[in-house]
Structure formats: structure tokens, C-alpha cells
């Protein structure tokens, strides 16, 4: 009688994938703007991800997931999509790739 979604059937396959099981035990997720002053030093023109992570550990024990959110508040103002906005960040996709682990 009580359904989470108003659907006749629900595809739970993403949640059940073995390679995505880690997210079930990740409780602290940081959704941050790409221009966060603790993540990108505008004067130096460089990303400071490690400093950002260290600051989080000191303040609240750290993050288990970091998600960079370059689309807010600009998505929809022009014809660019989310991938274009990532490409437009300093260093583009290569800089994002180098920070991912």
C-alpha cells in the first residue's frame, strides 16, 4: 500500500550493482561548487583539493564522497550542457580527471 514511487515496477538494478556497493556505506557527501574558495584558489589559479579534504577532516571528520557541481546556477542560461560546463572549468576535463581517484 505504501510505495516510495508511484510506479507499477521499479528498476533497482543500479542499486544492486556490485561495483556501486560502496555508496551504501558512504554517509558524508560534499556537493561543492566548482568555484568554492576552499577548493580553487583564484589568485594562484590552482585547485586545492587536498587542502579542502584536510580542512573537512579537521572540521567534521572528513568526506566519503566529493561531488563537484559546476552547473549551478548557470545551467540553462545558454546552450551549454553539464559536460560543457565541466570543460569550461580551469584545466578542463583533464584537470578534473587528475583530481579523481
N, C-alpha and C. Protein backbone atom coordinates (compact mmCIF):
# COMPACT_ATOMS: atom_id res chain seq x y z
N UNK A 1 0.80 -1.20 0.00
CA UNK A 1 0.00 0.00 0.00
C UNK A 1 0.84 1.27 0.00
N UNK A 2 2.00 1.19 0.63
CA UNK A 2 2.86 2.37 0.71
C UNK A 2 4.05 2.18 -0.21
N UNK A 3 4.05 2.93 -1.31
CA UNK A 3 5.13 2.82 -2.28
C UNK A 3 5.97 4.08 -2.25
N UNK A 4 7.28 3.89 -2.36
CA UNK A 4 8.17 5.03 -2.42
C UNK A 4 7.95 5.84 -3.69
N UNK A 5 7.70 5.17 -4.78
CA UNK A 5 7.47 5.82 -6.06
C UNK A 5 6.12 5.37 -6.60
N UNK A 6 5.47 6.22 -7.33
CA UNK A 6 4.19 5.89 -7.93
C UNK A 6 4.43 5.20 -9.27
N UNK A 7 5.00 4.01 -9.20
CA UNK A 7 5.32 3.22 -10.39
C UNK A 7 4.79 1.81 -10.21
N UNK A 8 4.37 1.22 -11.30
CA UNK A 8 3.93 -0.17 -11.24
C UNK A 8 5.12 -1.09 -10.99
N UNK A 9 6.27 -0.75 -11.59
CA UNK A 9 7.50 -1.52 -11.42
C UNK A 9 8.65 -0.54 -11.20
N UNK A 10 9.62 -0.97 -10.41
CA UNK A 10 10.79 -0.13 -10.15
C UNK A 10 12.04 -0.91 -10.50
N UNK A 11 12.92 -0.32 -11.29
CA UNK A 11 14.17 -0.95 -11.68
C UNK A 11 15.24 -0.61 -10.64
N UNK A 12 15.59 -1.58 -9.85
CA UNK A 12 16.56 -1.40 -8.77
C UNK A 12 17.96 -1.86 -9.17
N UNK A 13 18.20 -2.08 -10.45
CA UNK A 13 19.46 -2.67 -10.90
C UNK A 13 20.69 -1.82 -10.60
N UNK A 14 20.58 -0.49 -10.66
CA UNK A 14 21.74 0.35 -10.32
C UNK A 14 22.13 0.17 -8.86
N UNK A 15 21.17 0.13 -7.98
CA UNK A 15 21.44 -0.03 -6.56
C UNK A 15 22.05 -1.40 -6.25
N UNK A 16 21.71 -2.38 -7.06
CA UNK A 16 22.17 -3.74 -6.82
C UNK A 16 23.52 -4.05 -7.48
N UNK A 17 24.03 -3.17 -8.32
CA UNK A 17 25.31 -3.44 -8.99
C UNK A 17 26.45 -3.57 -7.97
N UNK A 18 27.27 -4.59 -8.14
CA UNK A 18 28.37 -4.83 -7.21
C UNK A 18 29.39 -3.70 -7.21
N UNK A 19 29.66 -3.13 -8.37
CA UNK A 19 30.65 -2.05 -8.44
C UNK A 19 30.16 -0.75 -7.81
N UNK A 20 28.90 -0.68 -7.42
CA UNK A 20 28.36 0.52 -6.78
C UNK A 20 27.99 0.28 -5.32
N UNK A 21 28.39 -0.85 -4.76
CA UNK A 21 28.03 -1.18 -3.39
C UNK A 21 28.66 -0.22 -2.37
N UNK A 22 29.77 0.39 -2.71
CA UNK A 22 30.46 1.30 -1.79
C UNK A 22 29.56 2.45 -1.34
N UNK A 23 28.65 2.90 -2.19
CA UNK A 23 27.82 4.05 -1.85
C UNK A 23 26.86 3.75 -0.70
N UNK A 24 26.53 2.48 -0.49
CA UNK A 24 25.63 2.10 0.59
C UNK A 24 26.20 2.45 1.97
N UNK A 25 27.50 2.55 2.05
CA UNK A 25 28.14 2.82 3.34
C UNK A 25 28.87 4.16 3.35
N UNK A 26 28.49 5.03 2.46
CA UNK A 26 29.06 6.38 2.38
C UNK A 26 28.02 7.35 2.92
N UNK A 27 28.34 7.95 4.06
CA UNK A 27 27.34 8.76 4.74
C UNK A 27 27.59 10.27 4.66
N UNK A 28 28.82 10.66 4.37
CA UNK A 28 29.12 12.09 4.31
C UNK A 28 29.51 12.43 2.87
N UNK A 29 28.61 13.14 2.20
CA UNK A 29 28.85 13.54 0.82
C UNK A 29 28.87 15.06 0.76
N UNK A 30 29.88 15.58 0.11
CA UNK A 30 30.02 17.02 -0.03
C UNK A 30 29.74 17.39 -1.47
N UNK A 31 28.66 18.11 -1.70
CA UNK A 31 28.34 18.66 -3.02
C UNK A 31 28.87 20.08 -3.04
N UNK A 32 29.92 20.30 -3.80
CA UNK A 32 30.52 21.63 -3.75
C UNK A 32 30.53 22.30 -5.11
N UNK A 33 30.42 23.61 -5.03
CA UNK A 33 30.53 24.40 -6.24
C UNK A 33 31.96 24.35 -6.76
N UNK A 34 32.09 24.39 -8.06
CA UNK A 34 33.42 24.33 -8.67
C UNK A 34 34.26 25.56 -8.32
N UNK A 35 33.60 26.65 -7.93
CA UNK A 35 34.32 27.88 -7.61
C UNK A 35 34.43 28.10 -6.10
N UNK A 36 34.21 27.05 -5.30
CA UNK A 36 34.33 27.16 -3.85
C UNK A 36 35.73 27.68 -3.50
N UNK A 37 35.80 28.71 -2.67
CA UNK A 37 37.09 29.33 -2.36
C UNK A 37 38.02 28.40 -1.60
N UNK A 38 37.48 27.33 -1.01
CA UNK A 38 38.34 26.37 -0.33
C UNK A 38 38.78 25.25 -1.26
N UNK A 39 38.29 25.28 -2.49
CA UNK A 39 38.63 24.25 -3.47
C UNK A 39 39.47 24.79 -4.62
N UNK A 40 39.24 26.02 -5.00
CA UNK A 40 40.00 26.63 -6.10
C UNK A 40 40.54 27.98 -5.65
N UNK A 41 41.85 28.14 -5.69
CA UNK A 41 42.49 29.39 -5.31
C UNK A 41 42.57 30.28 -6.55
N UNK A 42 41.72 31.30 -6.57
CA UNK A 42 41.63 32.19 -7.73
C UNK A 42 42.91 32.97 -7.96
N UNK A 43 43.55 33.40 -6.88
CA UNK A 43 44.80 34.18 -7.01
C UNK A 43 45.94 33.34 -7.58
N UNK A 44 46.05 32.11 -7.12
CA UNK A 44 47.11 31.21 -7.60
C UNK A 44 46.72 30.52 -8.90
N UNK A 45 45.41 30.49 -9.19
CA UNK A 45 44.94 29.80 -10.39
C UNK A 45 45.13 28.30 -10.32
N UNK A 46 44.87 27.72 -9.13
CA UNK A 46 45.05 26.28 -8.99
C UNK A 46 44.02 25.67 -8.05
N UNK A 47 43.76 24.40 -8.28
CA UNK A 47 42.86 23.66 -7.42
C UNK A 47 43.60 23.29 -6.13
N UNK A 48 42.88 23.30 -5.04
CA UNK A 48 43.47 22.99 -3.73
C UNK A 48 42.65 21.87 -3.08
N UNK A 49 42.43 20.80 -3.83
CA UNK A 49 41.60 19.71 -3.36
C UNK A 49 42.14 19.10 -2.07
N UNK A 50 43.44 18.87 -2.00
CA UNK A 50 43.99 18.25 -0.79
C UNK A 50 43.78 19.15 0.43
N UNK A 51 43.95 20.44 0.28
CA UNK A 51 43.68 21.37 1.37
C UNK A 51 42.20 21.32 1.76
N UNK A 52 41.32 21.24 0.76
CA UNK A 52 39.89 21.13 1.00
C UNK A 52 39.58 19.88 1.83
N UNK A 53 40.16 18.75 1.42
CA UNK A 53 39.94 17.49 2.13
C UNK A 53 40.47 17.56 3.55
N UNK A 54 41.66 18.11 3.72
CA UNK A 54 42.25 18.23 5.06
C UNK A 54 41.40 19.13 5.97
N UNK A 55 40.88 20.20 5.42
CA UNK A 55 40.02 21.10 6.18
C UNK A 55 38.77 20.36 6.65
N UNK A 56 38.17 19.56 5.77
CA UNK A 56 36.99 18.77 6.14
C UNK A 56 37.29 17.76 7.24
N UNK A 57 38.45 17.12 7.15
CA UNK A 57 38.83 16.17 8.21
C UNK A 57 38.95 16.87 9.55
N UNK A 58 39.54 18.04 9.54
CA UNK A 58 39.73 18.79 10.78
C UNK A 58 38.40 19.28 11.36
N UNK A 59 37.50 19.77 10.50
CA UNK A 59 36.25 20.37 10.97
C UNK A 59 35.18 19.36 11.37
N UNK A 60 35.04 18.27 10.59
CA UNK A 60 33.93 17.36 10.87
C UNK A 60 34.24 15.89 10.61
N UNK A 61 35.52 15.55 10.49
CA UNK A 61 35.89 14.15 10.31
C UNK A 61 36.09 13.72 8.87
N UNK A 62 35.79 14.60 7.92
CA UNK A 62 36.07 14.32 6.52
C UNK A 62 34.88 13.83 5.72
N UNK A 63 35.09 13.75 4.42
CA UNK A 63 34.07 13.35 3.47
C UNK A 63 34.37 11.96 2.93
N UNK A 64 33.31 11.24 2.61
CA UNK A 64 33.47 9.94 1.95
C UNK A 64 33.26 10.08 0.45
N UNK A 65 32.53 11.10 0.06
CA UNK A 65 32.27 11.37 -1.36
C UNK A 65 32.35 12.87 -1.58
N UNK A 66 33.06 13.27 -2.62
CA UNK A 66 33.12 14.67 -3.02
C UNK A 66 32.52 14.74 -4.42
N UNK A 67 31.57 15.63 -4.60
CA UNK A 67 30.96 15.82 -5.91
C UNK A 67 31.10 17.29 -6.30
N UNK A 68 31.73 17.51 -7.43
CA UNK A 68 31.92 18.88 -7.92
C UNK A 68 30.70 19.23 -8.77
N UNK A 69 30.12 20.39 -8.48
CA UNK A 69 28.86 20.79 -9.08
C UNK A 69 29.04 22.10 -9.85
N UNK A 70 29.46 22.01 -11.13
CA UNK A 70 29.73 23.23 -11.89
C UNK A 70 28.50 23.82 -12.57
N UNK A 71 27.37 23.16 -12.43
CA UNK A 71 26.21 23.57 -13.22
C UNK A 71 25.33 24.61 -12.54
N UNK A 72 25.44 24.78 -11.26
CA UNK A 72 24.60 25.74 -10.55
C UNK A 72 25.33 27.04 -10.37
N UNK A 73 24.83 28.17 -10.65
CA UNK A 73 23.48 28.47 -11.12
C UNK A 73 23.42 28.74 -12.62
N UNK A 74 24.37 28.25 -13.38
CA UNK A 74 24.46 28.64 -14.79
C UNK A 74 23.78 27.70 -15.78
N UNK A 75 23.49 26.47 -15.41
CA UNK A 75 22.89 25.54 -16.36
C UNK A 75 21.53 26.07 -16.81
N UNK A 76 21.34 26.15 -18.10
CA UNK A 76 20.09 26.64 -18.66
C UNK A 76 20.12 28.09 -19.09
N UNK A 77 21.18 28.81 -18.74
CA UNK A 77 21.27 30.21 -19.15
C UNK A 77 21.69 30.34 -20.61
N UNK A 78 22.35 29.32 -21.11
CA UNK A 78 22.74 29.30 -22.51
C UNK A 78 22.64 27.85 -23.00
N UNK A 79 23.16 27.57 -24.16
CA UNK A 79 23.00 26.25 -24.76
C UNK A 79 23.99 25.20 -24.24
N UNK A 80 24.90 25.58 -23.33
CA UNK A 80 25.85 24.60 -22.81
C UNK A 80 25.16 23.58 -21.91
N UNK A 81 25.67 22.34 -21.95
CA UNK A 81 25.15 21.31 -21.06
C UNK A 81 26.15 21.09 -19.92
N UNK A 82 25.86 20.13 -19.03
CA UNK A 82 26.72 19.93 -17.87
C UNK A 82 28.15 19.56 -18.25
N UNK A 83 28.32 18.83 -19.33
CA UNK A 83 29.66 18.43 -19.75
C UNK A 83 30.43 19.62 -20.31
N UNK A 84 29.75 20.50 -21.01
CA UNK A 84 30.38 21.73 -21.49
C UNK A 84 30.87 22.57 -20.31
N UNK A 85 30.06 22.62 -19.24
CA UNK A 85 30.45 23.42 -18.07
C UNK A 85 31.67 22.82 -17.37
N UNK A 86 31.78 21.50 -17.34
CA UNK A 86 32.99 20.86 -16.80
C UNK A 86 34.19 21.20 -17.67
N UNK A 87 34.01 21.17 -18.98
CA UNK A 87 35.09 21.50 -19.91
C UNK A 87 35.55 22.95 -19.74
N UNK A 88 34.63 23.82 -19.34
CA UNK A 88 34.95 25.24 -19.17
C UNK A 88 35.66 25.56 -17.86
N UNK A 89 35.75 24.61 -16.94
CA UNK A 89 36.48 24.86 -15.69
C UNK A 89 37.96 25.01 -15.98
N UNK A 90 38.70 25.69 -15.11
CA UNK A 90 40.14 25.81 -15.33
C UNK A 90 40.80 24.44 -15.48
N UNK A 91 41.49 24.25 -16.58
CA UNK A 91 42.15 22.97 -16.86
C UNK A 91 41.25 21.96 -17.53
N UNK A 92 39.96 22.27 -17.64
CA UNK A 92 39.01 21.41 -18.33
C UNK A 92 38.88 20.02 -17.74
N UNK A 93 38.49 19.09 -18.59
CA UNK A 93 38.27 17.72 -18.15
C UNK A 93 39.53 17.05 -17.66
N UNK A 94 40.66 17.42 -18.21
CA UNK A 94 41.94 16.83 -17.78
C UNK A 94 42.22 17.17 -16.32
N UNK A 95 41.95 18.39 -15.91
CA UNK A 95 42.14 18.79 -14.51
C UNK A 95 41.21 18.02 -13.59
N UNK A 96 39.97 17.80 -14.04
CA UNK A 96 39.01 17.03 -13.24
C UNK A 96 39.48 15.58 -13.12
N UNK A 97 39.93 15.03 -14.23
CA UNK A 97 40.40 13.64 -14.25
C UNK A 97 41.60 13.47 -13.30
N UNK A 98 42.50 14.41 -13.28
CA UNK A 98 43.68 14.32 -12.42
C UNK A 98 43.34 14.37 -10.94
N UNK A 99 42.18 14.93 -10.59
CA UNK A 99 41.78 15.01 -9.19
C UNK A 99 40.96 13.79 -8.74
N UNK A 100 40.43 13.06 -9.68
CA UNK A 100 39.58 11.92 -9.35
C UNK A 100 40.43 10.73 -8.89
N UNK A 101 39.85 9.99 -7.97
CA UNK A 101 40.57 8.78 -7.54
C UNK A 101 39.65 7.59 -7.53
